[in-house]
Protein backbone atom coordinates (compact mmCIF):
# COMPACT_ATOMS: atom_id res chain seq x y z
CA UNK A 1 -18.87 -7.22 28.98
CA UNK A 2 -17.15 -8.46 26.00
CA UNK A 3 -14.91 -6.13 23.91
CA UNK A 4 -15.65 -5.18 20.68
CA UNK A 5 -13.50 -6.64 17.78
CA UNK A 6 -12.57 -3.99 14.73
CA UNK A 7 -11.10 -5.35 11.78
CA UNK A 8 -8.71 -2.41 10.45
CA UNK A 9 -9.12 -3.75 6.52
CA UNK A 10 -11.49 -2.86 3.65
CA UNK A 11 -10.72 -6.17 2.47
CA UNK A 12 -13.29 -8.44 1.31
CA UNK A 13 -11.01 -11.52 1.80
CA UNK A 14 -10.05 -10.95 5.47
CA UNK A 15 -14.06 -10.33 6.08
CA UNK A 16 -14.83 -13.56 4.69
CA UNK A 17 -11.96 -15.48 6.83
CA UNK A 18 -12.96 -13.72 9.88
CA UNK A 19 -16.69 -14.39 9.55
CA UNK A 20 -16.05 -18.13 8.61
CA UNK A 21 -14.16 -18.30 12.01
CA UNK A 22 -17.54 -17.13 13.83
CA UNK A 23 -16.09 -13.91 15.05
CA UNK A 24 -18.19 -11.25 15.60
CA UNK A 25 -16.44 -7.66 14.28
CA UNK A 26 -16.74 -4.91 12.86
CA UNK A 27 -15.02 -3.15 9.92
CA UNK A 28 -12.80 0.69 10.31
CA UNK A 29 -10.58 0.35 7.28
CA UNK A 30 -6.83 2.08 8.14
CA UNK A 31 -5.62 4.99 6.53
CA UNK A 32 -2.24 3.98 7.32
CA UNK A 33 -0.21 5.01 3.78
CA UNK A 34 2.08 1.71 3.30
CA UNK A 35 5.58 2.86 2.07
CA UNK A 36 6.78 -0.86 0.62
CA UNK A 37 10.45 0.75 0.14
CA UNK A 38 11.96 0.89 4.29
CA UNK A 39 14.57 -0.57 4.35
CA UNK A 40 13.42 -3.69 6.68
CA UNK A 41 13.35 -7.29 6.09
CA UNK A 42 10.25 -8.79 4.46
CA UNK A 43 9.24 -10.21 8.23
CA UNK A 44 10.22 -7.08 10.13
CA UNK A 45 8.16 -4.75 7.43
CA UNK A 46 5.24 -6.92 7.51
CA UNK A 47 5.01 -6.20 10.97
CA UNK A 48 5.79 -2.79 10.73
CA UNK A 49 3.01 -2.55 8.12
CA UNK A 50 0.32 -4.77 10.16
CA UNK A 51 1.17 -2.17 13.27
CA UNK A 52 0.74 0.87 11.40
CA UNK A 53 -2.81 0.12 10.13
CA UNK A 54 -3.64 -1.45 13.28
CA UNK A 55 -2.69 1.90 14.98
CA UNK A 56 -4.22 4.11 12.84
CA UNK A 57 -7.42 2.84 13.43
CA UNK A 58 -7.07 1.93 17.63
CA UNK A 59 -5.71 5.56 18.48
CA UNK A 60 -9.34 6.74 17.01
CA UNK A 61 -11.64 3.77 18.09
CA UNK A 62 -9.97 3.41 22.18
CA UNK A 63 -12.98 1.42 23.40
CA UNK A 64 -11.90 -2.32 21.43
CA UNK A 65 -9.65 -4.98 20.05
CA UNK A 66 -7.78 -4.11 16.67
CA UNK A 67 -6.24 -6.19 14.30
CA UNK A 68 -4.62 -5.09 11.49
CA UNK A 69 -2.80 -7.18 8.60
CA UNK A 70 -0.42 -6.97 5.61
CA UNK A 71 0.39 -9.65 3.58
CA UNK A 72 2.71 -9.82 0.28
CA UNK A 73 4.66 -12.81 -1.90
CA UNK A 74 8.57 -12.73 -1.44
CA UNK A 75 10.55 -14.45 -4.21
CA UNK A 76 14.10 -14.55 -4.65
CA UNK A 77 14.19 -11.67 -1.70
CA UNK A 78 12.22 -9.77 -3.72
CA UNK A 79 8.79 -8.38 -2.45
CA UNK A 80 6.09 -8.82 -4.31
CA UNK A 81 2.68 -6.93 -3.76
CA UNK A 82 -0.19 -5.66 -5.65
CA UNK A 83 0.71 -5.24 -9.60
CA UNK A 84 -2.23 -2.44 -9.98
CA UNK A 85 -1.39 -3.04 -13.99
CA UNK A 86 -2.08 -5.94 -16.14
CA UNK A 87 1.63 -5.89 -17.38
CA UNK A 88 2.87 -6.25 -13.68
CA UNK A 89 0.39 -8.87 -12.85
CA UNK A 90 1.70 -10.92 -16.01
CA UNK A 91 5.15 -10.39 -15.28
CA UNK A 92 4.85 -11.51 -11.49
CA UNK A 93 2.81 -14.50 -12.80
CA UNK A 94 5.46 -15.38 -15.27
CA UNK A 95 8.11 -15.17 -12.65
CA UNK A 96 6.28 -17.33 -10.23
CA UNK A 97 5.40 -19.65 -13.05
CA UNK A 98 6.77 -23.35 -11.60
CA UNK A 99 8.85 -21.67 -8.68
CA UNK A 100 8.54 -21.61 -4.87
CA UNK A 101 7.51 -18.36 -3.50
CA UNK A 102 6.73 -17.13 0.35
CA UNK A 103 3.53 -15.51 1.55
CA UNK A 104 4.08 -13.53 4.27
CA UNK A 105 1.55 -11.98 6.65
CA UNK A 106 2.08 -9.53 9.47
CA UNK A 107 -1.07 -9.11 11.89
CA UNK A 108 -1.16 -6.81 14.62
CA UNK A 109 -3.44 -6.80 17.40
CA UNK A 110 -3.98 -3.93 19.73
CA UNK A 111 -6.16 -3.03 22.92
CA UNK A 112 -5.83 0.43 23.70
CA UNK A 113 -7.14 0.40 27.11
CA UNK A 114 -5.14 -2.08 28.50
CA UNK A 115 -2.20 -1.10 26.61
CA UNK A 116 -1.39 -4.64 24.93
CA UNK A 117 -0.19 -5.36 21.67
CA UNK A 118 0.64 -8.53 19.90
CA UNK A 119 2.56 -8.38 16.46
CA UNK A 120 3.15 -11.61 14.36
CA UNK A 121 4.20 -12.91 11.07
CA UNK A 122 3.23 -16.23 9.51
CA UNK A 123 4.85 -17.33 6.15
CA UNK A 124 3.68 -20.15 4.28
CA UNK A 125 5.52 -21.97 1.16
CA UNK A 126 3.47 -22.07 -1.89
CA UNK A 127 4.69 -24.10 -5.15
CA UNK A 128 3.25 -22.83 -8.25
CA UNK A 129 2.96 -25.36 -11.50
CA UNK A 130 4.27 -24.56 -14.82
CA UNK A 131 2.04 -21.54 -16.62
CA UNK A 132 1.34 -21.30 -19.76
CA UNK A 133 0.94 -17.67 -21.54
CA UNK A 134 -2.73 -18.47 -22.42
CA UNK A 135 -3.57 -19.08 -18.67
CA UNK A 136 -1.73 -15.95 -17.15
CA UNK A 137 -3.37 -13.73 -20.16
CA UNK A 138 -7.03 -15.42 -19.86
CA UNK A 139 -6.32 -15.09 -15.96
CA UNK A 140 -5.10 -11.49 -15.98
CA UNK A 141 -8.07 -10.08 -18.21
CA UNK A 142 -10.30 -11.23 -15.45
CA UNK A 143 -8.73 -8.28 -13.34
CA UNK A 144 -8.80 -10.70 -10.36
CA UNK A 145 -4.98 -10.45 -9.77
CA UNK A 146 -4.61 -6.62 -10.02
CA UNK A 147 -5.39 -5.87 -6.43
CA UNK A 148 -3.66 -8.92 -4.72
CA UNK A 149 -0.40 -9.77 -3.79
CA UNK A 150 1.97 -11.46 -6.05
CA UNK A 151 -0.89 -11.06 -8.84
CA UNK A 152 -3.60 -14.12 -7.45
CA UNK A 153 -5.92 -14.59 -4.98
CA UNK A 154 -6.24 -18.20 -3.53
CA UNK A 155 -9.56 -17.87 -2.36
CA UNK A 156 -10.73 -16.68 -5.97
CA UNK A 157 -9.33 -18.43 -9.65
CA UNK A 158 -5.37 -18.43 -8.24
CA UNK A 159 -5.82 -21.39 -6.50
CA UNK A 160 -5.69 -23.24 -9.79
CA UNK A 161 -1.93 -22.51 -10.50
CA UNK A 162 -1.12 -23.58 -6.78
CA UNK A 163 0.94 -27.15 -6.80
CA UNK A 164 1.06 -27.59 -3.51
CA UNK A 165 1.48 -25.50 -0.03
CA UNK A 166 3.38 -25.72 3.12
CA UNK A 167 1.71 -23.96 6.06
CA UNK A 168 -1.51 -21.97 6.22
CA UNK A 169 -3.94 -21.70 3.47
CA UNK A 170 -5.53 -18.69 4.99
CA UNK A 171 -2.54 -17.03 5.52
CA UNK A 172 -2.23 -16.69 1.48
CA UNK A 173 -5.60 -15.26 1.64
CA UNK A 174 -4.60 -12.57 3.55
CA UNK A 175 -4.73 -13.71 7.52
CA UNK A 176 -3.47 -16.41 8.88
CA UNK A 177 -6.56 -17.40 10.91
CA UNK A 178 -5.34 -20.20 13.25
CA UNK A 179 -2.59 -17.85 14.58
CA UNK A 180 -4.99 -14.72 14.96
CA UNK A 181 -7.42 -17.11 16.85
CA UNK A 182 -4.67 -18.07 19.31
CA UNK A 183 -3.53 -14.52 19.64
CA UNK A 184 -6.92 -13.31 20.46
CA UNK A 185 -6.93 -15.33 23.41
CA UNK A 186 -4.70 -13.30 24.98
CA UNK A 187 -6.72 -10.91 25.06
CA UNK A 188 -10.05 -12.55 26.37
CA UNK A 189 -11.68 -12.43 23.18
CA UNK A 190 -11.54 -16.12 22.59
CA UNK A 191 -11.40 -18.68 25.79
């Protein structure tokens, strides 16, 4: 019998990415409390947070394979999570305007029955074009950037700010699907 796959996230973007990959799964949002202030490198923090999210769901749902993920933007060694306020979103977008930044996603896959866990980190370089104050104000007024790491969503209107990327596009959206699908082979979910 094939194991069920559980996405430990309420992110609509992650749901879209997994669905478009043709994976059958259910969603059980994690109640894990993120702590972005932990004294870890961005890579270790992404791994740590993704593992916390996956474990919180896997500990309650022993049957199945759980996927947890955490994504954020890194610019000049500063981690940029979700801005939550319009002022903070404008500040982040001004900071990223005309510059290169990293998008880092940590993902963890857990199968409690088999006592198996894989955690990986994927990074993508993103280059923004120069943004005008008007563009930033209009974008922030839509409300879209308020719950997006780094204040933009690549699958929505934030893609307009990107000049080029180096690496996984789906990683920027919150789930590096190529790497996730490759890792699921180790859990015999995908052949």
